Amino acid sequence: MPKFRAGRVAQEIQKEVNDILQKKIRDPRVEGITITDVEVTGDLQQAKIFYSTLAKTEEDQETTQAGLEKAKGLIRKEVGSRLSLYKTPELFFERDQSIAYGSHIDELLKKLNETE
């Protein structure tokens, strides 16, 4: 039973964090971020937020991560005020590698088709 609640809370956190990043956070380091997934622990104490960016270089990705770490407190406060939870989960931001991996696979398939 708690798994269903954790899934619903994860969806709400994803929706609210996307809204907060678009409307509240003015830091240029976090512009263009898309929240792809949220994983919440069963006790709703921690939430791992996966994001993707269009930045290709490692330096840009590090500055984006630094911007998110800087804004983490404001984001958590806003999520806590928007959701009616007993305790607001602690937020952890992690870059989603699946989009980059998918584009890498697409490039390999294109090269394979060109050689044939």
Protein backbone atom coordinates (compact mmCIF):
# COMPACT_ATOMS: atom_id res chain seq x y z
CA MET A 1 0.00 0.00 0.00
CA PRO A 2 2.68 2.62 0.75
CA LYS A 3 4.18 2.08 -2.72
CA PHE A 4 1.12 3.66 -4.31
CA ARG A 5 1.34 6.70 -2.07
CA ALA A 6 5.06 7.08 -2.76
CA GLY A 7 4.31 7.03 -6.50
CA ARG A 8 1.65 9.71 -6.15
CA VAL A 9 3.91 11.87 -4.01
CA ALA A 10 6.73 11.46 -6.55
CA GLN A 11 4.44 12.66 -9.35
CA GLU A 12 3.36 15.68 -7.33
CA ILE A 13 6.95 16.54 -6.44
CA GLN A 14 7.93 16.31 -10.11
CA LYS A 15 5.11 18.62 -11.14
CA GLU A 16 5.84 21.16 -8.40
CA VAL A 17 9.62 21.19 -8.88
CA ASN A 18 9.15 21.79 -12.62
CA ASP A 19 6.84 24.70 -11.82
CA ILE A 20 9.22 26.11 -9.19
CA LEU A 21 12.20 25.93 -11.56
CA GLN A 22 10.29 27.75 -14.27
CA LYS A 23 8.64 30.46 -12.18
CA LYS A 24 10.58 31.01 -8.94
CA ILE A 25 14.26 30.29 -9.58
CA ARG A 26 16.01 33.08 -11.47
CA ASP A 27 19.49 31.55 -11.44
CA PRO A 28 20.82 31.36 -15.03
CA ARG A 29 22.69 28.15 -14.15
CA VAL A 30 19.42 26.22 -13.84
CA GLU A 31 17.69 27.48 -16.99
CA GLY A 32 16.62 24.83 -19.46
CA ILE A 33 16.40 22.00 -16.93
CA THR A 34 13.76 19.33 -17.38
CA ILE A 35 12.79 17.08 -14.49
CA THR A 36 12.56 13.58 -15.95
CA ASP A 37 11.80 11.44 -12.90
CA VAL A 38 11.48 11.48 -9.12
CA GLU A 39 12.11 8.53 -6.83
CA VAL A 40 10.76 8.76 -3.29
CA THR A 41 11.70 6.39 -0.48
CA GLY A 42 8.92 4.34 1.11
CA ASP A 43 8.88 6.49 4.25
CA LEU A 44 8.70 9.71 2.16
CA GLN A 45 11.80 11.14 3.86
CA GLN A 46 14.02 11.47 0.78
CA ALA A 47 13.38 12.26 -2.86
CA LYS A 48 15.91 11.75 -5.64
CA ILE A 49 15.14 14.10 -8.52
CA PHE A 50 16.52 13.22 -11.95
CA TYR A 51 17.01 16.07 -14.41
CA SER A 52 18.30 16.53 -17.92
CA THR A 53 19.91 19.51 -19.61
CA LEU A 54 20.93 20.46 -23.10
CA ALA A 55 24.47 21.20 -21.93
CA LYS A 56 27.06 19.01 -23.61
CA THR A 57 30.26 19.97 -21.81
CA GLU A 58 31.22 18.63 -18.43
CA GLU A 59 31.83 22.16 -17.12
CA ASP A 60 28.29 23.27 -17.98
CA GLN A 61 26.87 20.18 -16.28
CA GLU A 62 28.87 20.93 -13.13
CA THR A 63 27.65 24.54 -13.02
CA THR A 64 24.07 23.32 -13.44
CA GLN A 65 24.52 20.88 -10.55
CA ALA A 66 26.02 23.68 -8.43
CA GLY A 67 23.04 25.91 -9.22
CA LEU A 68 20.62 23.19 -8.17
CA GLU A 69 22.50 22.58 -4.94
CA LYS A 70 22.36 26.31 -4.21
CA ALA A 71 18.59 26.45 -4.86
CA LYS A 72 17.81 23.22 -3.01
CA GLY A 73 16.64 24.98 0.17
CA LEU A 74 14.22 27.27 -1.66
CA ILE A 75 12.87 24.39 -3.73
CA ARG A 76 12.32 22.25 -0.62
CA LYS A 77 10.56 25.12 1.16
CA GLU A 78 8.27 25.72 -1.81
CA VAL A 79 7.48 22.00 -2.18
CA GLY A 80 6.67 21.85 1.53
CA SER A 81 4.26 24.76 1.27
CA ARG A 82 2.52 23.41 -1.84
CA LEU A 83 2.12 19.78 -0.72
CA SER A 84 0.33 18.73 2.42
CA LEU A 85 2.84 16.27 3.83
CA TYR A 86 3.76 15.65 7.46
CA LYS A 87 7.43 16.15 6.69
CA THR A 88 8.91 17.57 3.51
CA PRO A 89 11.33 15.09 1.93
CA GLU A 90 15.01 15.93 1.65
CA LEU A 91 15.86 16.58 -2.01
CA PHE A 92 18.79 15.12 -3.92
CA PHE A 93 19.45 16.13 -7.53
CA GLU A 94 21.05 13.71 -9.97
CA ARG A 95 21.65 14.11 -13.70
CA ASP A 96 19.65 11.69 -15.83
CA GLN A 97 22.04 9.83 -18.13
CA SER A 98 19.35 8.02 -20.14
CA ILE A 99 18.80 10.82 -22.67
CA ALA A 100 22.51 11.13 -23.44
CA TYR A 101 22.75 7.35 -23.68
CA GLY A 102 19.79 7.25 -26.07
CA SER A 103 21.32 9.87 -28.35
CA HIS A 104 24.61 7.94 -28.31
CA ILE A 105 22.77 4.79 -29.44
CA ASP A 106 21.07 6.80 -32.21
CA GLU A 107 24.44 8.04 -33.46
CA LEU A 108 25.82 4.50 -33.49
CA LEU A 109 22.81 3.28 -35.47
CA LYS A 110 23.22 6.10 -37.99
CA LYS A 111 26.90 5.23 -38.47
CA LEU A 112 25.98 1.56 -38.91
CA ASN A 113 23.38 2.42 -41.58
CA GLU A 114 25.84 4.70 -43.41
CA THR A 115 28.47 1.97 -43.69
CA GLU A 116 26.05 -0.53 -45.22
